Amino acid sequence: MVNPLFEVHLLNEQGKELAKSLAGEFHGFLCSLEGMCGTEGREMAIVRTKLEEACFFAKKAMANRKDNQQA
């Protein structure tokens, strides 16, 4: 048996739509930040990396919910 931390979660249609929605929300937030702060520099590179990381964990949290998984 695999530790639940490492399990693969196949998403149902609702989960797939939520994953797309999360990606869109993070994209919109990054676009807003780039409009205010610009796109260049070390700090903005860190912002992009941290948002990518946050999006990953948000999607993982969503995928862990049984109602978003295939039966």
Protein backbone atom coordinates (compact mmCIF):
# COMPACT_ATOMS: atom_id res chain seq x y z
CA MET A 1 0.00 0.00 0.00
CA VAL A 2 1.24 3.47 -0.90
CA ASN A 3 1.34 6.23 1.69
CA PRO A 4 -1.58 8.63 0.96
CA LEU A 5 0.91 11.49 0.55
CA PHE A 6 2.14 9.90 -2.66
CA GLU A 7 -1.08 8.59 -4.19
CA VAL A 8 -2.22 9.58 -7.65
CA HIS A 9 -5.66 11.19 -7.77
CA LEU A 10 -7.52 10.97 -11.06
CA LEU A 11 -9.88 13.91 -11.36
CA ASN A 12 -13.50 13.69 -12.41
CA GLU A 13 -14.98 16.38 -14.68
CA GLN A 14 -15.69 18.68 -11.73
CA GLY A 15 -12.08 18.33 -10.55
CA LYS A 16 -10.74 19.06 -14.03
CA GLU A 17 -12.84 22.22 -14.25
CA LEU A 18 -11.67 23.33 -10.81
CA ALA A 19 -8.03 22.75 -11.81
CA LYS A 20 -8.56 24.96 -14.88
CA SER A 21 -10.28 27.58 -12.74
CA LEU A 22 -7.43 27.61 -10.23
CA ALA A 23 -4.91 28.04 -13.03
CA GLY A 24 -6.92 30.94 -14.41
CA GLU A 25 -7.10 32.64 -11.01
CA PHE A 26 -3.34 32.39 -10.53
CA HIS A 27 -2.74 33.62 -14.09
CA GLY A 28 -4.96 36.64 -13.51
CA PHE A 29 -3.23 37.45 -10.23
CA LEU A 30 0.21 37.20 -11.85
CA CYS A 31 -0.90 39.48 -14.70
CA SER A 32 -2.12 42.05 -12.18
CA LEU A 33 1.14 41.90 -10.25
CA GLU A 34 3.18 42.24 -13.43
CA GLY A 35 1.13 45.28 -14.36
CA MET A 36 1.98 46.91 -11.03
CA CYS A 37 5.55 45.69 -10.60
CA GLY A 38 6.83 44.96 -14.09
CA THR A 39 8.12 41.63 -15.33
CA GLU A 40 11.86 41.99 -14.87
CA GLY A 41 14.15 41.37 -11.96
CA ARG A 42 14.99 38.80 -9.36
CA GLU A 43 12.05 39.70 -7.15
CA MET A 44 9.51 39.08 -9.92
CA ALA A 45 11.22 35.80 -10.76
CA ILE A 46 10.68 34.78 -7.14
CA VAL A 47 7.05 35.95 -7.30
CA ARG A 48 6.44 33.75 -10.36
CA THR A 49 8.13 30.76 -8.71
CA LYS A 50 6.16 31.16 -5.48
CA LEU A 51 2.86 31.55 -7.36
CA GLU A 52 3.66 28.42 -9.37
CA GLU A 53 4.33 26.60 -6.10
CA ALA A 54 1.14 27.94 -4.49
CA CYS A 55 -0.91 26.90 -7.54
CA PHE A 56 0.55 23.40 -7.38
CA PHE A 57 -0.43 23.01 -3.72
CA ALA A 58 -3.88 24.51 -4.30
CA LYS A 59 -4.47 21.96 -7.07
CA LYS A 60 -3.16 19.18 -4.83
CA ALA A 61 -5.51 20.25 -2.03
CA MET A 62 -8.42 20.28 -4.46
CA ALA A 63 -7.44 16.86 -5.88
CA ASN A 64 -7.33 15.37 -2.39
CA ARG A 65 -11.05 16.00 -1.96
CA LYS A 66 -13.03 12.84 -2.72
CA ASP A 67 -15.77 14.79 -4.49
CA ASN A 68 -13.24 15.86 -7.15
CA GLN A 69 -11.88 12.37 -7.81
CA GLN A 70 -12.99 9.67 -10.19
CA ALA A 71 -14.88 6.89 -8.45
